[in-house]
PDB file of all heavy atoms in Angstrom:
ATOM      1  N   THR A   1      56.065  19.797 100.480  1.00  0.00           N
ATOM      2  CA  THR A   1      56.801  18.906 101.374  1.00  0.00           C
ATOM      3  C   THR A   1      56.484  17.444 101.055  1.00  0.00           C
ATOM      4  O   THR A   1      55.323  17.075 100.880  1.00  0.00           O
ATOM      5  CB  THR A   1      56.442  19.194 102.846  1.00  0.00           C
ATOM      6  OG1 THR A   1      56.840  20.525 103.178  1.00  0.00           O
ATOM      7  CG2 THR A   1      57.155  18.218 103.774  1.00  0.00           C
ATOM      8  N   ASN A   2      57.520  16.622 100.976  1.00  0.00           N
ATOM      9  CA  ASN A   2      57.343  15.192 100.754  1.00  0.00           C
ATOM     10  C   ASN A   2      57.205  14.459 102.080  1.00  0.00           C
ATOM     11  O   ASN A   2      57.828  14.845 103.079  1.00  0.00           O
ATOM     12  CB  ASN A   2      58.542  14.617  99.995  1.00  0.00           C
ATOM     13  CG  ASN A   2      58.557  15.031  98.548  1.00  0.00           C
ATOM     14  OD1 ASN A   2      57.802  14.513  97.744  1.00  0.00           O
ATOM     15  ND2 ASN A   2      59.407  15.993  98.200  1.00  0.00           N
ATOM     16  N   GLU A   3      56.401  13.413 102.074  1.00  0.00           N
ATOM     17  CA  GLU A   3      56.255  12.578 103.255  1.00  0.00           C
ATOM     18  C   GLU A   3      56.455  11.131 102.848  1.00  0.00           C
ATOM     19  O   GLU A   3      55.911  10.684 101.837  1.00  0.00           O
ATOM     20  CB  GLU A   3      54.862  12.754 103.859  1.00  0.00           C
ATOM     21  CG  GLU A   3      54.584  14.165 104.357  1.00  0.00           C
ATOM     22  CD  GLU A   3      53.206  14.266 104.968  1.00  0.00           C
ATOM     23  OE1 GLU A   3      52.859  13.397 105.775  1.00  0.00           O
ATOM     24  OE2 GLU A   3      52.490  15.200 104.624  1.00  0.00           O
ATOM     25  N   GLY A   4      57.225  10.412 103.651  1.00  0.00           N
ATOM     26  CA  GLY A   4      57.422   9.004 103.373  1.00  0.00           C
ATOM     27  C   GLY A   4      58.837   8.678 102.956  1.00  0.00           C
ATOM     28  O   GLY A   4      59.758   9.499 103.062  1.00  0.00           O
ATOM     29  N   GLU A   5      59.007   7.477 102.443  1.00  0.00           N
ATOM     30  CA  GLU A   5      60.335   6.969 102.095  1.00  0.00           C
ATOM     31  C   GLU A   5      60.763   7.371 100.691  1.00  0.00           C
ATOM     32  O   GLU A   5      61.945   7.314 100.365  1.00  0.00           O
ATOM     33  CB  GLU A   5      60.326   5.440 102.225  1.00  0.00           C
ATOM     34  CG  GLU A   5      59.931   4.951 103.617  1.00  0.00           C
ATOM     35  CD  GLU A   5      59.576   3.477 103.620  1.00  0.00           C
ATOM     36  OE1 GLU A   5      60.433   2.674 103.216  1.00  0.00           O
ATOM     37  OE2 GLU A   5      58.453   3.127 104.021  1.00  0.00           O
ATOM     38  N   TRP A   6      59.812   7.734  99.848  1.00  0.00           N
ATOM     39  CA  TRP A   6      60.129   8.137  98.475  1.00  0.00           C
ATOM     40  C   TRP A   6      59.790   9.603  98.282  1.00  0.00           C
ATOM     41  O   TRP A   6      58.812  10.105  98.830  1.00  0.00           O
ATOM     42  CB  TRP A   6      59.346   7.283  97.468  1.00  0.00           C
ATOM     43  CG  TRP A   6      59.775   5.851  97.447  1.00  0.00           C
ATOM     44  CD1 TRP A   6      60.913   5.316  97.986  1.00  0.00           C
ATOM     45  CD2 TRP A   6      59.077   4.760  96.834  1.00  0.00           C
ATOM     46  NE1 TRP A   6      60.979   3.973  97.756  1.00  0.00           N
ATOM     47  CE2 TRP A   6      59.865   3.594  97.055  1.00  0.00           C
ATOM     48  CE3 TRP A   6      57.890   4.654  96.130  1.00  0.00           C
ATOM     49  CZ2 TRP A   6      59.487   2.351  96.585  1.00  0.00           C
ATOM     50  CZ3 TRP A   6      57.508   3.408  95.651  1.00  0.00           C
ATOM     51  CH2 TRP A   6      58.298   2.268  95.877  1.00  0.00           C
ATOM     52  N   GLU A   7      60.593  10.264  97.471  1.00  0.00           N
ATOM     53  CA  GLU A   7      60.467  11.711  97.286  1.00  0.00           C
ATOM     54  C   GLU A   7      59.961  12.043  95.890  1.00  0.00           C
ATOM     55  O   GLU A   7      60.517  11.594  94.886  1.00  0.00           O
ATOM     56  CB  GLU A   7      61.822  12.373  97.523  1.00  0.00           C
ATOM     57  CG  GLU A   7      61.789  13.884  97.462  1.00  0.00           C
ATOM     58  CD  GLU A   7      63.122  14.502  97.822  1.00  0.00           C
ATOM     59  OE1 GLU A   7      63.871  13.886  98.607  1.00  0.00           O
ATOM     60  OE2 GLU A   7      63.425  15.595  97.297  1.00  0.00           O
ATOM     61  N   LEU A   8      58.907  12.848  95.829  1.00  0.00           N
ATOM     62  CA  LEU A   8      58.348  13.277  94.545  1.00  0.00           C
ATOM     63  C   LEU A   8      59.022  14.560  94.073  1.00  0.00           C
ATOM     64  O   LEU A   8      59.625  15.289  94.866  1.00  0.00           O
ATOM     65  CB  LEU A   8      56.839  13.491  94.683  1.00  0.00           C
ATOM     66  CG  LEU A   8      56.039  12.199  94.762  1.00  0.00           C
ATOM     67  CD1 LEU A   8      55.504  12.002  96.162  1.00  0.00           C
ATOM     68  CD2 LEU A   8      54.920  12.201  93.757  1.00  0.00           C
ATOM     69  N   PRO A   9      58.925  14.866  92.766  1.00  0.00           N
ATOM     70  CA  PRO A   9      59.533  16.108  92.260  1.00  0.00           C
ATOM     71  C   PRO A   9      58.927  17.339  92.923  1.00  0.00           C
ATOM     72  O   PRO A   9      57.789  17.322  93.398  1.00  0.00           O
ATOM     73  CB  PRO A   9      59.192  16.076  90.756  1.00  0.00           C
ATOM     74  CG  PRO A   9      58.896  14.648  90.453  1.00  0.00           C
ATOM     75  CD  PRO A   9      58.291  14.073  91.698  1.00  0.00           C
ATOM     76  N   GLU A  10      59.700  18.411  92.952  1.00  0.00           N
ATOM     77  CA  GLU A  10      59.203  19.671  93.496  1.00  0.00           C
ATOM     78  C   GLU A  10      58.066  20.207  92.633  1.00  0.00           C
ATOM     79  O   GLU A  10      57.984  19.935  91.439  1.00  0.00           O
ATOM     80  CB  GLU A  10      60.327  20.717  93.541  1.00  0.00           C
ATOM     81  CG  GLU A  10      61.406  20.432  94.562  1.00  0.00           C
ATOM     82  CD  GLU A  10      62.418  21.555  94.628  1.00  0.00           C
ATOM     83  OE1 GLU A  10      62.184  22.616  93.984  1.00  0.00           O
ATOM     84  OE2 GLU A  10      63.442  21.381  95.304  1.00  0.00           O
ATOM     85  N   ILE A  11      57.187  20.973  93.260  1.00  0.00           N
ATOM     86  CA  ILE A  11      56.134  21.656  92.513  1.00  0.00           C
ATOM     87  C   ILE A  11      56.701  23.002  92.063  1.00  0.00           C
ATOM     88  O   ILE A  11      57.155  23.798  92.885  1.00  0.00           O
ATOM     89  CB  ILE A  11      54.881  21.874  93.388  1.00  0.00           C
ATOM     90  CG1 ILE A  11      54.400  20.544  93.979  1.00  0.00           C
ATOM     91  CG2 ILE A  11      53.766  22.520  92.570  1.00  0.00           C
ATOM     92  CD1 ILE A  11      53.237  20.685  94.953  1.00  0.00           C
ATOM     93  N   GLU A  12      56.698  23.245  90.766  1.00  0.00           N
ATOM     94  CA  GLU A  12      57.286  24.476  90.220  1.00  0.00           C
ATOM     95  C   GLU A  12      56.208  25.548  90.078  1.00  0.00           C
ATOM     96  O   GLU A  12      55.234  25.371  89.341  1.00  0.00           O
ATOM     97  CB  GLU A  12      57.931  24.200  88.866  1.00  0.00           C
ATOM     98  CG  GLU A  12      59.103  23.222  88.937  1.00  0.00           C
ATOM     99  CD  GLU A  12      59.722  22.984  87.573  1.00  0.00           C
ATOM    100  OE1 GLU A  12      59.296  23.640  86.592  1.00  0.00           O
ATOM    101  OE2 GLU A  12      60.622  22.131  87.481  1.00  0.00           O
ATOM    102  N   PHE A  13      56.408  26.651  90.782  1.00  0.00           N
ATOM    103  CA  PHE A  13      55.456  27.753  90.749  1.00  0.00           C
ATOM    104  C   PHE A  13      56.031  28.925  89.960  1.00  0.00           C
ATOM    105  O   PHE A  13      57.249  29.147  89.967  1.00  0.00           O
ATOM    106  CB  PHE A  13      55.119  28.219  92.169  1.00  0.00           C
ATOM    107  CG  PHE A  13      54.366  27.204  92.976  1.00  0.00           C
ATOM    108  CD1 PHE A  13      55.014  26.393  93.898  1.00  0.00           C
ATOM    109  CD2 PHE A  13      53.002  27.034  92.804  1.00  0.00           C
ATOM    110  CE1 PHE A  13      54.333  25.451  94.642  1.00  0.00           C
ATOM    111  CE2 PHE A  13      52.303  26.090  93.538  1.00  0.00           C
ATOM    112  CZ  PHE A  13      52.971  25.299  94.457  1.00  0.00           C
ATOM    113  N   PRO A  14      55.176  29.692  89.278  1.00  0.00           N
ATOM    114  CA  PRO A  14      55.669  30.871  88.563  1.00  0.00           C
ATOM    115  C   PRO A  14      56.154  31.935  89.536  1.00  0.00           C
ATOM    116  O   PRO A  14      55.699  32.003  90.689  1.00  0.00           O
ATOM    117  CB  PRO A  14      54.434  31.360  87.785  1.00  0.00           C
ATOM    118  CG  PRO A  14      53.272  30.833  88.557  1.00  0.00           C
ATOM    119  CD  PRO A  14      53.717  29.524  89.143  1.00  0.00           C
ATOM    120  N   GLN A  15      57.091  32.726  89.078  1.00  0.00           N
ATOM    121  CA  GLN A  15      57.641  33.786  89.924  1.00  0.00           C
ATOM    122  C   GLN A  15      56.723  34.999  89.876  1.00  0.00           C
ATOM    123  O   GLN A  15      56.315  35.439  88.807  1.00  0.00           O
ATOM    124  CB  GLN A  15      59.037  34.172  89.442  1.00  0.00           C
ATOM    125  CG  GLN A  15      59.762  35.107  90.381  1.00  0.00           C
ATOM    126  CD  GLN A  15      61.223  35.248  89.991  1.00  0.00           C
ATOM    127  OE1 GLN A  15      61.721  34.488  89.174  1.00  0.00           O
ATOM    128  NE2 GLN A  15      61.906  36.198  90.575  1.00  0.00           N
ATOM    129  N   PRO A  16      56.355  35.549  91.039  1.00  0.00           N
ATOM    130  CA  PRO A  16      55.485  36.734  91.038  1.00  0.00           C
ATOM    131  C   PRO A  16      56.209  37.947  90.459  1.00  0.00           C
ATOM    132  O   PRO A  16      57.364  38.197  90.781  1.00  0.00           O
ATOM    133  CB  PRO A  16      55.153  36.935  92.521  1.00  0.00           C
ATOM    134  CG  PRO A  16      56.271  36.287  93.256  1.00  0.00           C
ATOM    135  CD  PRO A  16      56.709  35.123  92.408  1.00  0.00           C
ATOM    136  N   MET A  17      55.507  38.698  89.614  1.00  0.00           N
ATOM    137  CA  MET A  17      56.128  39.794  88.883  1.00  0.00           C
ATOM    138  C   MET A  17      55.753  41.187  89.400  1.00  0.00           C
ATOM    139  O   MET A  17      56.466  42.150  89.162  1.00  0.00           O
ATOM    140  CB  MET A  17      55.718  39.710  87.397  1.00  0.00           C
ATOM    141  CG  MET A  17      56.234  38.492  86.672  1.00  0.00           C
ATOM    142  SD  MET A  17      58.035  38.536  86.483  1.00  0.00           S
ATOM    143  CE  MET A  17      58.510  37.307  87.672  1.00  0.00           C
ATOM    144  N   VAL A  18      54.629  41.301  90.069  1.00  0.00           N
ATOM    145  CA  VAL A  18      54.121  42.623  90.462  1.00  0.00           C
ATOM    146  C   VAL A  18      54.416  42.843  91.943  1.00  0.00           C
ATOM    147  O   VAL A  18      54.083  41.991  92.778  1.00  0.00           O
ATOM    148  CB  VAL A  18      52.609  42.732  90.199  1.00  0.00           C
ATOM    149  CG1 VAL A  18      52.103  44.121  90.559  1.00  0.00           C
ATOM    150  CG2 VAL A  18      52.309  42.428  88.735  1.00  0.00           C
ATOM    151  N   GLY A  19      55.059  43.973  92.261  1.00  0.00           N
ATOM    152  CA  GLY A  19      55.440  44.209  93.646  1.00  0.00           C
ATOM    153  C   GLY A  19      55.087  45.594  94.140  1.00  0.00           C
ATOM    154  O   GLY A  19      55.029  46.556  93.367  1.00  0.00           O
ATOM    155  N   VAL A  20      54.827  45.672  95.430  1.00  0.00           N
ATOM    156  CA  VAL A  20      54.623  46.964  96.105  1.00  0.00           C
ATOM    157  C   VAL A  20      55.430  46.955  97.391  1.00  0.00           C
ATOM    158  O   VAL A  20      55.598  45.914  98.031  1.00  0.00           O
ATOM    159  CB  VAL A  20      53.133  47.235  96.425  1.00  0.00           C
ATOM    160  CG1 VAL A  20      52.343  47.491  95.165  1.00  0.00           C
ATOM    161  CG2 VAL A  20      52.510  46.105  97.234  1.00  0.00           C
ATOM    162  N   ALA A  21      55.945  48.118  97.737  1.00  0.00           N
ATOM    163  CA  ALA A  21      56.587  48.268  99.040  1.00  0.00           C
ATOM    164  C   ALA A  21      55.480  48.488 100.066  1.00  0.00           C
ATOM    165  O   ALA A  21      54.492  49.179  99.787  1.00  0.00           O
ATOM    166  CB  ALA A  21      57.558  49.442  99.024  1.00  0.00           C
ATOM    167  N   ILE A  22      55.624  47.882 101.230  1.00  0.00           N
ATOM    168  CA  ILE A  22      54.564  47.976 102.234  1.00  0.00           C
ATOM    169  C   ILE A  22      55.134  48.361 103.590  1.00  0.00           C
ATOM    170  O   ILE A  22      56.321  48.150 103.877  1.00  0.00           O
ATOM    171  CB  ILE A  22      53.788  46.645 102.366  1.00  0.00           C
ATOM    172  CG1 ILE A  22      54.719  45.519 102.848  1.00  0.00           C
ATOM    173  CG2 ILE A  22      53.130  46.262 101.054  1.00  0.00           C
ATOM    174  CD1 ILE A  22      53.994  44.238 103.205  1.00  0.00           C
ATOM    175  N   ARG A  23      54.270  48.914 104.405  1.00  0.00           N
ATOM    176  CA  ARG A  23      54.592  49.171 105.810  1.00  0.00           C
ATOM    177  C   ARG A  23      53.277  49.273 106.571  1.00  0.00           C
ATOM    178  O   ARG A  23      52.251  49.666 106.000  1.00  0.00           O
ATOM    179  CB  ARG A  23      55.391  50.465 105.970  1.00  0.00           C
ATOM    180  CG  ARG A  23      54.679  51.712 105.466  1.00  0.00           C
ATOM    181  CD  ARG A  23      55.568  52.928 105.505  1.00  0.00           C
ATOM    182  NE  ARG A  23      54.963  54.040 104.786  1.00  0.00           N
ATOM    183  CZ  ARG A  23      55.631  54.871 103.997  1.00  0.00           C
ATOM    184  NH1 ARG A  23      56.935  54.716 103.828  1.00  0.00           N
ATOM    185  NH2 ARG A  23      55.007  55.857 103.376  1.00  0.00           N
ATOM    186  N   PRO A  24      53.262  48.896 107.837  1.00  0.00           N
ATOM    187  CA  PRO A  24      52.018  48.999 108.612  1.00  0.00           C
ATOM    188  C   PRO A  24      51.673  50.457 108.886  1.00  0.00           C
ATOM    189  O   PRO A  24      52.570  51.295 109.048  1.00  0.00           O
ATOM    190  CB  PRO A  24      52.355  48.248 109.904  1.00  0.00           C
ATOM    191  CG  PRO A  24      53.839  48.334 110.032  1.00  0.00           C
ATOM    192  CD  PRO A  24      54.374  48.348 108.631  1.00  0.00           C
ATOM    193  N   LYS A  25      50.382  50.752 108.888  1.00  0.00           N
ATOM    194  CA  LYS A  25      49.976  52.128 109.179  1.00  0.00           C
ATOM    195  C   LYS A  25      50.378  52.538 110.586  1.00  0.00           C
ATOM    196  O   LYS A  25      50.681  53.698 110.843  1.00  0.00           O
ATOM    197  CB  LYS A  25      48.459  52.276 108.988  1.00  0.00           C
ATOM    198  CG  LYS A  25      48.033  52.294 107.530  1.00  0.00           C
ATOM    199  CD  LYS A  25      46.552  52.615 107.379  1.00  0.00           C
ATOM    200  CE  LYS A  25      46.177  52.706 105.897  1.00  0.00           C
ATOM    201  NZ  LYS A  25      44.737  53.004 105.718  1.00  0.00           N
ATOM    202  N   SER A  26      50.365  51.572 111.492  1.00  0.00           N
ATOM    203  CA  SER A  26      50.796  51.830 112.858  1.00  0.00           C
ATOM    204  C   SER A  26      52.136  51.154 113.095  1.00  0.00           C
ATOM    205  O   SER A  26      52.306  49.975 112.810  1.00  0.00           O
ATOM    206  CB  SER A  26      49.762  51.290 113.856  1.00  0.00           C
ATOM    207  OG  SER A  26      50.262  51.341 115.169  1.00  0.00           O
ATOM    208  N   ARG A  27      53.105  51.876 113.640  1.00  0.00           N
ATOM    209  CA  ARG A  27      54.427  51.307 113.888  1.00  0.00           C
ATOM    210  C   ARG A  27      54.360  50.197 114.927  1.00  0.00           C
ATOM    211  O   ARG A  27      55.236  49.341 114.995  1.00  0.00           O
ATOM    212  CB  ARG A  27      55.391  52.402 114.350  1.00  0.00           C
ATOM    213  CG  ARG A  27      55.552  53.533 113.351  1.00  0.00           C
ATOM    214  CD  ARG A  27      56.718  54.418 113.692  1.00  0.00           C
ATOM    215  NE  ARG A  27      57.991  53.774 113.401  1.00  0.00           N
ATOM    216  CZ  ARG A  27      59.169  54.389 113.558  1.00  0.00           C
ATOM    217  NH1 ARG A  27      59.220  55.639 113.994  1.00  0.00           N
ATOM    218  NH2 ARG A  27      60.289  53.752 113.279  1.00  0.00           N
ATOM    219  N   ASN A  28      53.314  50.194 115.724  1.00  0.00           N
ATOM    220  CA  ASN A  28      53.154  49.148 116.731  1.00  0.00           C
ATOM    221  C   ASN A  28      52.810  47.795 116.110  1.00  0.00           C
ATOM    222  O   ASN A  28      52.833  46.771 116.796  1.00  0.00           O
ATOM    223  CB  ASN A  28      52.058  49.533 117.735  1.00  0.00           C
ATOM    224  CG  ASN A  28      52.416  50.779 118.522  1.00  0.00           C
ATOM    225  OD1 ASN A  28      53.591  51.037 118.789  1.00  0.00           O
ATOM    226  ND2 ASN A  28      51.411  51.567 118.900  1.00  0.00           N
ATOM    227  N   ASP A  29      52.458  47.803 114.811  1.00  0.00           N
ATOM    228  CA  ASP A  29      52.027  46.575 114.141  1.00  0.00           C
ATOM    229  C   ASP A  29      53.139  45.884 113.361  1.00  0.00           C
ATOM    230  O   ASP A  29      52.875  44.956 112.593  1.00  0.00           O
ATOM    231  CB  ASP A  29      50.864  46.880 113.180  1.00  0.00           C
ATOM    232  CG  ASP A  29      49.562  47.133 113.910  1.00  0.00           C
ATOM    233  OD1 ASP A  29      49.433  46.683 115.056  1.00  0.00           O
ATOM    234  OD2 ASP A  29      48.673  47.785 113.321  1.00  0.00           O
ATOM    235  N   GLU A  30      54.393  46.322 113.522  1.00  0.00           N
ATOM    236  CA  GLU A  30      55.477  45.748 112.716  1.00  0.00           C
ATOM    237  C   GLU A  30      55.669  44.259 112.989  1.00  0.00           C
ATOM    238  O   GLU A  30      55.815  43.461 112.060  1.00  0.00           O
ATOM    239  CB  GLU A  30      56.775  46.522 112.968  1.00  0.00           C
ATOM    240  CG  GLU A  30      56.750  47.927 112.353  1.00  0.00           C
ATOM    241  CD  GLU A  30      58.070  48.643 112.491  1.00  0.00           C
ATOM    242  OE1 GLU A  30      58.981  48.085 113.124  1.00  0.00           O
ATOM    243  OE2 GLU A  30      58.193  49.765 111.974  1.00  0.00           O
ATOM    244  N   ALA A  31      55.655  43.867 114.268  1.00  0.00           N
ATOM    245  CA  ALA A  31      55.792  42.440 114.602  1.00  0.00           C
ATOM    246  C   ALA A  31      54.574  41.661 114.122  1.00  0.00           C
ATOM    247  O   ALA A  31      54.679  40.536 113.628  1.00  0.00           O
ATOM    248  CB  ALA A  31      55.981  42.276 116.108  1.00  0.00           C
ATOM    249  N   LYS A  32      53.418  42.268 114.239  1.00  0.00           N
ATOM    250  CA  LYS A  32      52.173  41.638 113.805  1.00  0.00           C
ATOM    251  C   LYS A  32      52.181  41.426 112.283  1.00  0.00           C
ATOM    252  O   LYS A  32      51.708  40.399 111.781  1.00  0.00           O
ATOM    253  CB  LYS A  32      51.007  42.528 114.214  1.00  0.00           C
ATOM    254  CG  LYS A  32      49.631  41.937 114.016  1.00  0.00           C
ATOM    255  CD  LYS A  32      48.590  42.913 114.548  1.00  0.00           C
ATOM    256  CE  LYS A  32      47.176  42.409 114.310  1.00  0.00           C
ATOM    257  NZ  LYS A  32      46.164  43.386 114.800  1.00  0.00           N
ATOM    258  N   LEU A  33      52.740  42.401 111.562  1.00  0.00           N
ATOM    259  CA  LEU A  33      52.814  42.293 110.105  1.00  0.00           C
ATOM    260  C   LEU A  33      53.688  41.113 109.697  1.00  0.00           C
ATOM    261  O   LEU A  33      53.341  40.367 108.774  1.00  0.00           O
ATOM    262  CB  LEU A  33      53.368  43.589 109.506  1.00  0.00           C
ATOM    263  CG  LEU A  33      53.584  43.594 107.991  1.00  0.00           C
ATOM    264  CD1 LEU A  33      52.268  43.382 107.258  1.00  0.00           C
ATOM    265  CD2 LEU A  33      54.238  44.902 107.541  1.00  0.00           C
ATOM    266  N   SER A  34      54.798  40.916 110.369  1.00  0.00           N
ATOM    267  CA  SER A  34      55.696  39.813 110.038  1.00  0.00           C
ATOM    268  C   SER A  34      54.983  38.471 110.172  1.00  0.00           C
ATOM    269  O   SER A  34      55.088  37.614 109.282  1.00  0.00           O
ATOM    270  CB  SER A  34      56.916  39.854 110.963  1.00  0.00           C
ATOM    271  OG  SER A  34      57.765  38.765 110.692  1.00  0.00           O
ATOM    272  N   ALA A  35      54.230  38.286 111.252  1.00  0.00           N
ATOM    273  CA  ALA A  35      53.510  37.024 111.457  1.00  0.00           C
ATOM    274  C   ALA A  35      52.417  36.836 110.414  1.00  0.00           C
ATOM    275  O   ALA A  35      52.204  35.731 109.904  1.00  0.00           O
ATOM    276  CB  ALA A  35      52.915  36.998 112.861  1.00  0.00           C
ATOM    277  N   ALA A  36      51.709  37.916 110.070  1.00  0.00           N
ATOM    278  CA  ALA A  36      50.621  37.838 109.089  1.00  0.00           C
ATOM    279  C   ALA A  36      51.165  37.503 107.704  1.00  0.00           C
ATOM    280  O   ALA A  36      50.572  36.698 106.969  1.00  0.00           O
ATOM    281  CB  ALA A  36      49.852  39.156 109.056  1.00  0.00           C
ATOM    282  N   LEU A  37      52.299  38.098 107.321  1.00  0.00           N
ATOM    283  CA  LEU A  37      52.893  37.814 106.014  1.00  0.00           C
ATOM    284  C   LEU A  37      53.389  36.374 105.941  1.00  0.00           C
ATOM    285  O   LEU A  37      53.317  35.732 104.891  1.00  0.00           O
ATOM    286  CB  LEU A  37      54.039  38.789 105.733  1.00  0.00           C
ATOM    287  CG  LEU A  37      53.631  40.247 105.517  1.00  0.00           C
ATOM    288  CD1 LEU A  37      54.871  41.128 105.389  1.00  0.00           C
ATOM    289  CD2 LEU A  37      52.737  40.406 104.302  1.00  0.00           C
ATOM    290  N   HIS A  38      53.884  35.872 107.046  1.00  0.00           N
ATOM    291  CA  HIS A  38      54.340  34.472 107.080  1.00  0.00           C
ATOM    292  C   HIS A  38      53.177  33.533 106.760  1.00  0.00           C
ATOM    293  O   HIS A  38      53.336  32.564 106.010  1.00  0.00           O
ATOM    294  CB  HIS A  38      54.922  34.152 108.455  1.00  0.00           C
ATOM    295  CG  HIS A  38      55.325  32.713 108.607  1.00  0.00           C
ATOM    296  ND1 HIS A  38      56.452  32.184 108.006  1.00  0.00           N
ATOM    297  CD2 HIS A  38      54.736  31.675 109.271  1.00  0.00           C
ATOM    298  CE1 HIS A  38      56.546  30.903 108.295  1.00  0.00           C
ATOM    299  NE2 HIS A  38      55.518  30.566 109.063  1.00  0.00           N
ATOM    300  N   LYS A  39      52.007  33.802 107.295  1.00  0.00           N
ATOM    301  CA  LYS A  39      50.831  32.977 107.016  1.00  0.00           C
ATOM    302  C   LYS A  39      50.454  33.058 105.542  1.00  0.00           C
ATOM    303  O   LYS A  39      50.103  32.048 104.920  1.00  0.00           O
ATOM    304  CB  LYS A  39      49.654  33.418 107.897  1.00  0.00           C
ATOM    305  CG  LYS A  39      49.797  33.058 109.361  1.00  0.00           C
ATOM    306  CD  LYS A  39      48.507  33.251 110.129  1.00  0.00           C
ATOM    307  CE  LYS A  39      48.129  34.697 110.279  1.00  0.00           C
ATOM    308  NZ  LYS A  39      46.941  34.886 111.140  1.00  0.00           N
TER     309      LYS A  39
END
């Protein structure tokens, strides 16, 4: 995020290549998982 009157170039990050499908062990944790992943 840029702050101020002038804007700097974006920071370019590599694209993640390794993936796994995930789900919470407890179905009651689905909302909790969303908040944790956001962090």
